[in-house]
PDB file of N, CA and C in Angstrom:
ATOM      1  N   MET A   1      -5.309   6.153  -9.864  1.00  0.00           N
ATOM      2  CA  MET A   1      -6.067   6.107  -8.619  1.00  0.00           C
ATOM      3  C   MET A   1      -7.552   6.214  -8.923  1.00  0.00           C
ATOM      4  N   LYS A   2      -8.346   5.372  -8.309  1.00  0.00           N
ATOM      5  CA  LYS A   2      -9.786   5.403  -8.527  1.00  0.00           C
ATOM      6  C   LYS A   2     -10.401   6.591  -7.804  1.00  0.00           C
ATOM      7  N   ASP A   3     -11.466   7.120  -8.409  1.00  0.00           N
ATOM      8  CA  ASP A   3     -12.223   8.173  -7.744  1.00  0.00           C
ATOM      9  C   ASP A   3     -12.992   7.564  -6.581  1.00  0.00           C
ATOM     10  N   LEU A   4     -13.065   8.308  -5.504  1.00  0.00           N
ATOM     11  CA  LEU A   4     -13.784   7.847  -4.327  1.00  0.00           C
ATOM     12  C   LEU A   4     -15.283   7.926  -4.588  1.00  0.00           C
ATOM     13  N   THR A   5     -15.994   6.855  -4.270  1.00  0.00           N
ATOM     14  CA  THR A   5     -17.453   6.843  -4.399  1.00  0.00           C
ATOM     15  C   THR A   5     -18.060   6.432  -3.068  1.00  0.00           C
ATOM     16  N   PHE A   6     -19.357   6.696  -2.933  1.00  0.00           N
ATOM     17  CA  PHE A   6     -20.042   6.469  -1.674  1.00  0.00           C
ATOM     18  C   PHE A   6     -21.297   5.645  -1.904  1.00  0.00           C
ATOM     19  N   SER A   7     -21.652   4.841  -0.918  1.00  0.00           N
ATOM     20  CA  SER A   7     -22.867   4.027  -1.000  1.00  0.00           C
ATOM     21  C   SER A   7     -24.087   4.915  -0.804  1.00  0.00           C
ATOM     22  N   ILE A   8     -25.238   4.404  -1.178  1.00  0.00           N
ATOM     23  CA  ILE A   8     -26.480   5.157  -1.013  1.00  0.00           C
ATOM     24  C   ILE A   8     -26.744   5.445   0.470  1.00  0.00           C
ATOM     25  N   GLY A   9     -26.376   4.517   1.344  1.00  0.00           N
ATOM     26  CA  GLY A   9     -26.542   4.727   2.780  1.00  0.00           C
ATOM     27  C   GLY A   9     -25.666   5.867   3.286  1.00  0.00           C
ATOM     28  N   ASP A  10     -24.417   5.905   2.810  1.00  0.00           N
ATOM     29  CA  ASP A  10     -23.515   6.989   3.192  1.00  0.00           C
ATOM     30  C   ASP A  10     -24.057   8.341   2.732  1.00  0.00           C
ATOM     31  N   VAL A  11     -24.568   8.373   1.509  1.00  0.00           N
ATOM     32  CA  VAL A  11     -25.109   9.620   0.955  1.00  0.00           C
ATOM     33  C   VAL A  11     -26.321  10.075   1.764  1.00  0.00           C
ATOM     34  N   ALA A  12     -27.179   9.147   2.118  1.00  0.00           N
ATOM     35  CA  ALA A  12     -28.364   9.480   2.912  1.00  0.00           C
ATOM     36  C   ALA A  12     -27.953  10.092   4.252  1.00  0.00           C
ATOM     37  N   LYS A  13     -26.956   9.502   4.899  1.00  0.00           N
ATOM     38  CA  LYS A  13     -26.491  10.016   6.192  1.00  0.00           C
ATOM     39  C   LYS A  13     -25.864  11.403   6.042  1.00  0.00           C
ATOM     40  N   GLN A  14     -25.070  11.595   4.993  1.00  0.00           N
ATOM     41  CA  GLN A  14     -24.377  12.866   4.792  1.00  0.00           C
ATOM     42  C   GLN A  14     -25.322  14.001   4.436  1.00  0.00           C
ATOM     43  N   THR A  15     -26.394  13.685   3.711  1.00  0.00           N
ATOM     44  CA  THR A  15     -27.249  14.735   3.151  1.00  0.00           C
ATOM     45  C   THR A  15     -28.587  14.911   3.859  1.00  0.00           C
ATOM     46  N   GLY A  16     -29.024  13.899   4.582  1.00  0.00           N
ATOM     47  CA  GLY A  16     -30.344  13.968   5.205  1.00  0.00           C
ATOM     48  C   GLY A  16     -31.472  13.663   4.242  1.00  0.00           C
ATOM     49  N   VAL A  17     -31.139  13.151   3.072  1.00  0.00           N
ATOM     50  CA  VAL A  17     -32.134  12.752   2.073  1.00  0.00           C
ATOM     51  C   VAL A  17     -32.333  11.250   2.204  1.00  0.00           C
ATOM     52  N   SER A  18     -33.576  10.799   2.200  1.00  0.00           N
ATOM     53  CA  SER A  18     -33.860   9.380   2.426  1.00  0.00           C
ATOM     54  C   SER A  18     -33.384   8.505   1.267  1.00  0.00           C
ATOM     55  N   LEU A  19     -33.220   7.226   1.573  1.00  0.00           N
ATOM     56  CA  LEU A  19     -32.836   6.254   0.539  1.00  0.00           C
ATOM     57  C   LEU A  19     -33.857   6.248  -0.595  1.00  0.00           C
ATOM     58  N   LYS A  20     -35.127   6.282  -0.230  1.00  0.00           N
ATOM     59  CA  LYS A  20     -36.198   6.259  -1.232  1.00  0.00           C
ATOM     60  C   LYS A  20     -36.100   7.477  -2.153  1.00  0.00           C
ATOM     61  N   GLN A  21     -35.853   8.656  -1.568  1.00  0.00           N
ATOM     62  CA  GLN A  21     -35.718   9.864  -2.391  1.00  0.00           C
ATOM     63  C   GLN A  21     -34.513   9.761  -3.310  1.00  0.00           C
ATOM     64  N   LEU A  22     -33.397   9.280  -2.792  1.00  0.00           N
ATOM     65  CA  LEU A  22     -32.192   9.161  -3.612  1.00  0.00           C
ATOM     66  C   LEU A  22     -32.430   8.221  -4.795  1.00  0.00           C
ATOM     67  N   ARG A  23     -33.105   7.113  -4.536  1.00  0.00           N
ATOM     68  CA  ARG A  23     -33.406   6.179  -5.629  1.00  0.00           C
ATOM     69  C   ARG A  23     -34.280   6.852  -6.682  1.00  0.00           C
ATOM     70  N   SER A  24     -35.247   7.608  -6.216  1.00  0.00           N
ATOM     71  CA  SER A  24     -36.177   8.291  -7.107  1.00  0.00           C
ATOM     72  C   SER A  24     -35.484   9.384  -7.927  1.00  0.00           C
ATOM     73  N   TRP A  25     -34.581  10.113  -7.308  1.00  0.00           N
ATOM     74  CA  TRP A  25     -33.912  11.235  -7.969  1.00  0.00           C
ATOM     75  C   TRP A  25     -32.898  10.780  -9.014  1.00  0.00           C
ATOM     76  N   GLY A  26     -32.329   9.588  -8.848  1.00  0.00           N
ATOM     77  CA  GLY A  26     -31.280   9.100  -9.747  1.00  0.00           C
ATOM     78  C   GLY A  26     -31.755   9.022 -11.187  1.00  0.00           C
ATOM     79  N   GLY A  27     -31.062   9.747 -12.056  1.00  0.00           N
ATOM     80  CA  GLY A  27     -31.411   9.761 -13.468  1.00  0.00           C
ATOM     81  C   GLY A  27     -32.435  10.812 -13.832  1.00  0.00           C
ATOM     82  N   LYS A  28     -33.114  11.389 -12.833  1.00  0.00           N
ATOM     83  CA  LYS A  28     -34.111  12.427 -13.094  1.00  0.00           C
ATOM     84  C   LYS A  28     -33.566  13.798 -12.700  1.00  0.00           C
ATOM     85  N   TYR A  29     -33.170  13.907 -11.435  1.00  0.00           N
ATOM     86  CA  TYR A  29     -32.732  15.197 -10.908  1.00  0.00           C
ATOM     87  C   TYR A  29     -31.237  15.245 -10.644  1.00  0.00           C
ATOM     88  N   ILE A  30     -30.636  14.091 -10.512  1.00  0.00           N
ATOM     89  CA  ILE A  30     -29.182  13.985 -10.411  1.00  0.00           C
ATOM     90  C   ILE A  30     -28.741  12.925 -11.418  1.00  0.00           C
ATOM     91  N   PRO A  31     -27.488  12.995 -11.879  1.00  0.00           N
ATOM     92  CA  PRO A  31     -27.029  11.947 -12.799  1.00  0.00           C
ATOM     93  C   PRO A  31     -27.170  10.576 -12.146  1.00  0.00           C
ATOM     94  N   ALA A  32     -27.562   9.604 -12.930  1.00  0.00           N
ATOM     95  CA  ALA A  32     -27.734   8.251 -12.393  1.00  0.00           C
ATOM     96  C   ALA A  32     -26.415   7.770 -11.789  1.00  0.00           C
ATOM     97  N   PRO A  33     -26.460   7.223 -10.571  1.00  0.00           N
ATOM     98  CA  PRO A  33     -25.228   6.735  -9.958  1.00  0.00           C
ATOM     99  C   PRO A  33     -24.697   5.517 -10.698  1.00  0.00           C
ATOM    100  N   THR A  34     -23.406   5.319 -10.584  1.00  0.00           N
ATOM    101  CA  THR A  34     -22.773   4.128 -11.134  1.00  0.00           C
ATOM    102  C   THR A  34     -23.267   2.929 -10.344  1.00  0.00           C
ATOM    103  N   ARG A  35     -23.367   1.804 -11.009  1.00  0.00           N
ATOM    104  CA  ARG A  35     -23.779   0.578 -10.306  1.00  0.00           C
ATOM    105  C   ARG A  35     -22.627  -0.411 -10.322  1.00  0.00           C
ATOM    106  N   ILE A  36     -22.343  -0.930  -9.156  1.00  0.00           N
ATOM    107  CA  ILE A  36     -21.316  -1.946  -8.991  1.00  0.00           C
ATOM    108  C   ILE A  36     -22.035  -3.278  -8.813  1.00  0.00           C
ATOM    109  N   VAL A  37     -21.750  -4.240  -9.696  1.00  0.00           N
ATOM    110  CA  VAL A  37     -22.415  -5.538  -9.632  1.00  0.00           C
ATOM    111  C   VAL A  37     -21.567  -6.481  -8.784  1.00  0.00           C
ATOM    112  N   CYS A  38     -22.241  -7.109  -7.855  1.00  0.00           N
ATOM    113  CA  CYS A  38     -21.593  -8.074  -6.969  1.00  0.00           C
ATOM    114  C   CYS A  38     -22.531  -9.272  -6.876  1.00  0.00           C
ATOM    115  N   GLY A  39     -22.204 -10.320  -7.600  1.00  0.00           N
ATOM    116  CA  GLY A  39     -23.096 -11.477  -7.648  1.00  0.00           C
ATOM    117  C   GLY A  39     -24.358 -11.104  -8.403  1.00  0.00           C
ATOM    118  N   LYS A  40     -25.509 -11.307  -7.773  1.00  0.00           N
ATOM    119  CA  LYS A  40     -26.787 -10.989  -8.407  1.00  0.00           C
ATOM    120  C   LYS A  40     -27.295  -9.614  -8.027  1.00  0.00           C
ATOM    121  N   ARG A  41     -26.522  -8.873  -7.232  1.00  0.00           N
ATOM    122  CA  ARG A  41     -26.961  -7.556  -6.764  1.00  0.00           C
ATOM    123  C   ARG A  41     -26.155  -6.457  -7.434  1.00  0.00           C
ATOM    124  N   ALA A  42     -26.787  -5.298  -7.560  1.00  0.00           N
ATOM    125  CA  ALA A  42     -26.107  -4.123  -8.090  1.00  0.00           C
ATOM    126  C   ALA A  42     -26.237  -3.008  -7.052  1.00  0.00           C
ATOM    127  N   TYR A  43     -25.129  -2.408  -6.703  1.00  0.00           N
ATOM    128  CA  TYR A  43     -25.112  -1.383  -5.667  1.00  0.00           C
ATOM    129  C   TYR A  43     -24.843  -0.018  -6.283  1.00  0.00           C
ATOM    130  N   ARG A  44     -25.610   0.986  -5.858  1.00  0.00           N
ATOM    131  CA  ARG A  44     -25.417   2.348  -6.342  1.00  0.00           C
ATOM    132  C   ARG A  44     -24.194   2.957  -5.666  1.00  0.00           C
ATOM    133  N   ARG A  45     -23.380   3.646  -6.468  1.00  0.00           N
ATOM    134  CA  ARG A  45     -22.203   4.348  -5.951  1.00  0.00           C
ATOM    135  C   ARG A  45     -22.261   5.791  -6.448  1.00  0.00           C
ATOM    136  N   TYR A  46     -22.170   6.724  -5.526  1.00  0.00           N
ATOM    137  CA  TYR A  46     -22.305   8.151  -5.825  1.00  0.00           C
ATOM    138  C   TYR A  46     -20.956   8.848  -5.730  1.00  0.00           C
ATOM    139  N   THR A  47     -20.719   9.801  -6.624  1.00  0.00           N
ATOM    140  CA  THR A  47     -19.507  10.604  -6.585  1.00  0.00           C
ATOM    141  C   THR A  47     -19.715  11.803  -5.672  1.00  0.00           C
ATOM    142  N   GLN A  48     -18.631  12.475  -5.334  1.00  0.00           N
ATOM    143  CA  GLN A  48     -18.732  13.674  -4.506  1.00  0.00           C
ATOM    144  C   GLN A  48     -19.535  14.755  -5.226  1.00  0.00           C
ATOM    145  N   GLU A  49     -19.419  14.838  -6.538  1.00  0.00           N
ATOM    146  CA  GLU A  49     -20.174  15.828  -7.314  1.00  0.00           C
ATOM    147  C   GLU A  49     -21.679  15.572  -7.206  1.00  0.00           C
ATOM    148  N   GLN A  50     -22.065  14.311  -7.258  1.00  0.00           N
ATOM    149  CA  GLN A  50     -23.480  13.974  -7.104  1.00  0.00           C
ATOM    150  C   GLN A  50     -23.970  14.321  -5.700  1.00  0.00           C
ATOM    151  N   ILE A  51     -23.137  14.078  -4.709  1.00  0.00           N
ATOM    152  CA  ILE A  51     -23.502  14.415  -3.331  1.00  0.00           C
ATOM    153  C   ILE A  51     -23.677  15.922  -3.189  1.00  0.00           C
ATOM    154  N   ASN A  52     -22.768  16.690  -3.780  1.00  0.00           N
ATOM    155  CA  ASN A  52     -22.877  18.149  -3.723  1.00  0.00           C
ATOM    156  C   ASN A  52     -24.192  18.620  -4.331  1.00  0.00           C
ATOM    157  N   LEU A  53     -24.583  18.000  -5.437  1.00  0.00           N
ATOM    158  CA  LEU A  53     -25.839  18.358  -6.095  1.00  0.00           C
ATOM    159  C   LEU A  53     -27.036  18.014  -5.196  1.00  0.00           C
ATOM    160  N   VAL A  54     -27.000  16.860  -4.565  1.00  0.00           N
ATOM    161  CA  VAL A  54     -28.080  16.456  -3.647  1.00  0.00           C
ATOM    162  C   VAL A  54     -28.203  17.467  -2.508  1.00  0.00           C
ATOM    163  N   VAL A  55     -27.079  17.890  -1.959  1.00  0.00           N
ATOM    164  CA  VAL A  55     -27.084  18.867  -0.864  1.00  0.00           C
ATOM    165  C   VAL A  55     -27.731  20.176  -1.320  1.00  0.00           C
ATOM    166  N   LYS A  56     -27.357  20.648  -2.506  1.00  0.00           N
ATOM    167  CA  LYS A  56     -27.922  21.908  -3.022  1.00  0.00           C
ATOM    168  C   LYS A  56     -29.431  21.765  -3.255  1.00  0.00           C
ATOM    169  N   ILE A  57     -29.843  20.645  -3.825  1.00  0.00           N
ATOM    170  CA  ILE A  57     -31.276  20.430  -4.064  1.00  0.00           C
ATOM    171  C   ILE A  57     -32.024  20.465  -2.739  1.00  0.00           C
ATOM    172  N   LYS A  58     -31.490  19.778  -1.741  1.00  0.00           N
ATOM    173  CA  LYS A  58     -32.144  19.755  -0.421  1.00  0.00           C
ATOM    174  C   LYS A  58     -32.210  21.160   0.178  1.00  0.00           C
ATOM    175  N   GLU A  59     -31.148  21.946   0.026  1.00  0.00           N
ATOM    176  CA  GLU A  59     -31.158  23.318   0.545  1.00  0.00           C
ATOM    177  C   GLU A  59     -32.286  24.130  -0.094  1.00  0.00           C
ATOM    178  N   TYR A  60     -32.437  24.014  -1.407  1.00  0.00           N
ATOM    179  CA  TYR A  60     -33.505  24.746  -2.092  1.00  0.00           C
ATOM    180  C   TYR A  60     -34.887  24.231  -1.682  1.00  0.00           C
ATOM    181  N   GLN A  61     -35.023  22.922  -1.513  1.00  0.00           N
ATOM    182  CA  GLN A  61     -36.304  22.381  -1.055  1.00  0.00           C
ATOM    183  C   GLN A  61     -36.645  22.897   0.340  1.00  0.00           C
ATOM    184  N   ASP A  62     -35.636  22.978   1.199  1.00  0.00           N
ATOM    185  CA  ASP A  62     -35.848  23.479   2.559  1.00  0.00           C
ATOM    186  C   ASP A  62     -36.273  24.949   2.550  1.00  0.00           C
ATOM    187  N   GLN A  63     -35.930  25.655   1.474  1.00  0.00           N
ATOM    188  CA  GLN A  63     -36.341  27.055   1.324  1.00  0.00           C
ATOM    189  C   GLN A  63     -37.758  27.173   0.751  1.00  0.00           C
ATOM    190  N   GLY A  64     -38.350  26.033   0.375  1.00  0.00           N
ATOM    191  CA  GLY A  64     -39.729  26.040  -0.095  1.00  0.00           C
ATOM    192  C   GLY A  64     -39.918  25.822  -1.586  1.00  0.00           C
ATOM    193  N   PHE A  65     -38.829  25.589  -2.311  1.00  0.00           N
ATOM    194  CA  PHE A  65     -38.944  25.341  -3.748  1.00  0.00           C
ATOM    195  C   PHE A  65     -39.434  23.918  -4.003  1.00  0.00           C
ATOM    196  N   THR A  66     -40.141  23.722  -5.122  1.00  0.00           N
ATOM    197  CA  THR A  66     -40.546  22.373  -5.520  1.00  0.00           C
ATOM    198  C   THR A  66     -39.300  21.590  -5.912  1.00  0.00           C
ATOM    199  N   LEU A  67     -39.409  20.281  -5.946  1.00  0.00           N
ATOM    200  CA  LEU A  67     -38.264  19.444  -6.301  1.00  0.00           C
ATOM    201  C   LEU A  67     -37.730  19.809  -7.681  1.00  0.00           C
ATOM    202  N   LYS A  68     -38.630  19.957  -8.646  1.00  0.00           N
ATOM    203  CA  LYS A  68     -38.203  20.276 -10.008  1.00  0.00           C
ATOM    204  C   LYS A  68     -37.435  21.597 -10.052  1.00  0.00           C
ATOM    205  N   THR A  69     -37.968  22.617  -9.408  1.00  0.00           N
ATOM    206  CA  THR A  69     -37.321  23.928  -9.392  1.00  0.00           C
ATOM    207  C   THR A  69     -36.019  23.873  -8.599  1.00  0.00           C
ATOM    208  N   ALA A  70     -36.034  23.176  -7.474  1.00  0.00           N
ATOM    209  CA  ALA A  70     -34.830  23.042  -6.647  1.00  0.00           C
ATOM    210  C   ALA A  70     -33.711  22.374  -7.426  1.00  0.00           C
ATOM    211  N   ALA A  71     -34.038  21.315  -8.163  1.00  0.00           N
ATOM    212  CA  ALA A  71     -33.040  20.602  -8.956  1.00  0.00           C
ATOM    213  C   ALA A  71     -32.491  21.490 -10.062  1.00  0.00           C
ATOM    214  N   GLN A  72     -33.364  22.252 -10.700  1.00  0.00           N
ATOM    215  CA  GLN A  72     -32.932  23.146 -11.773  1.00  0.00           C
ATOM    216  C   GLN A  72     -32.005  24.236 -11.228  1.00  0.00           C
ATOM    217  N   LYS A  73     -32.393  24.858 -10.123  1.00  0.00           N
ATOM    218  CA  LYS A  73     -31.581  25.912  -9.517  1.00  0.00           C
ATOM    219  C   LYS A  73     -30.231  25.364  -9.049  1.00  0.00           C
ATOM    220  N   ALA A  74     -30.237  24.180  -8.459  1.00  0.00           N
ATOM    221  CA  ALA A  74     -28.995  23.568  -7.974  1.00  0.00           C
ATOM    222  C   ALA A  74     -28.056  23.261  -9.135  1.00  0.00           C
ATOM    223  N   SER A  75     -28.599  22.718 -10.218  1.00  0.00           N
ATOM    224  CA  SER A  75     -27.773  22.415 -11.396  1.00  0.00           C
ATOM    225  C   SER A  75     -27.161  23.682 -11.976  1.00  0.00           C
ATOM    226  N   GLU A  76     -27.974  24.741 -12.063  1.00  0.00           N
ATOM    227  CA  GLU A  76     -27.476  26.016 -12.584  1.00  0.00           C
ATOM    228  C   GLU A  76     -26.381  26.579 -11.686  1.00  0.00           C
ATOM    229  N   GLU A  77     -26.573  26.499 -10.381  1.00  0.00           N
ATOM    230  CA  GLU A  77     -25.586  27.022  -9.439  1.00  0.00           C
ATOM    231  C   GLU A  77     -24.263  26.271  -9.557  1.00  0.00           C
ATOM    232  N   ILE A  78     -24.326  24.961  -9.633  1.00  0.00           N
ATOM    233  CA  ILE A  78     -23.118  24.163  -9.743  1.00  0.00           C
ATOM    234  C   ILE A  78     -22.420  24.426 -11.079  1.00  0.00           C
ATOM    235  N   SER A  79     -23.192  24.586 -12.145  1.00  0.00           N
ATOM    236  CA  SER A  79     -22.609  24.906 -13.450  1.00  0.00           C
ATOM    237  C   SER A  79     -21.859  26.226 -13.403  1.00  0.00           C
ATOM    238  N   GLN A  80     -22.450  27.219 -12.727  1.00  0.00           N
ATOM    239  CA  GLN A  80     -21.795  28.513 -12.587  1.00  0.00           C
ATOM    240  C   GLN A  80     -20.513  28.405 -11.788  1.00  0.00           C
ATOM    241  N   GLU A  81     -20.542  27.620 -10.735  1.00  0.00           N
ATOM    242  CA  GLU A  81     -19.348  27.419  -9.912  1.00  0.00           C
ATOM    243  C   GLU A  81     -18.231  26.783 -10.724  1.00  0.00           C
ATOM    244  N   LEU A  82     -18.562  25.816 -11.572  1.00  0.00           N
ATOM    245  CA  LEU A  82     -17.566  25.149 -12.387  1.00  0.00           C
ATOM    246  C   LEU A  82     -16.963  26.093 -13.420  1.00  0.00           C
ATOM    247  N   LYS A  83     -17.780  27.006 -13.937  1.00  0.00           N
ATOM    248  CA  LYS A  83     -17.285  27.971 -14.930  1.00  0.00           C
ATOM    249  C   LYS A  83     -16.313  28.961 -14.327  1.00  0.00           C
ATOM    250  N   THR A  84     -16.488  29.298 -13.062  1.00  0.00           N
ATOM    251  CA  THR A  84     -15.642  30.296 -12.417  1.00  0.00           C
ATOM    252  C   THR A  84     -14.341  29.706 -11.867  1.00  0.00           C
ATOM    253  N   GLU A  85     -14.224  28.389 -11.866  1.00  0.00           N
ATOM    254  CA  GLU A  85     -12.996  27.759 -11.357  1.00  0.00           C
ATOM    255  C   GLU A  85     -11.886  27.817 -12.371  1.00  0.00           C
TER     256      GLU A  85
END
């Protein structure tokens, strides 16, 4: 069974993060999304784990942290959660 992935538009709606921000964050603050090639176009596809990370980053930014710090804190938090499972 294939893992469920989401389009950049779906992620933007779910998280409240703009398309432009998501494009910018890919590969820098979140793992680069998979790209699905269809003809001459390539579409970004995000996993649920990437969406969870985006949500955490946004939560930290809303608390007043810089993007860099928010991304670092979110990554650390998710890593801790994975270790405790």
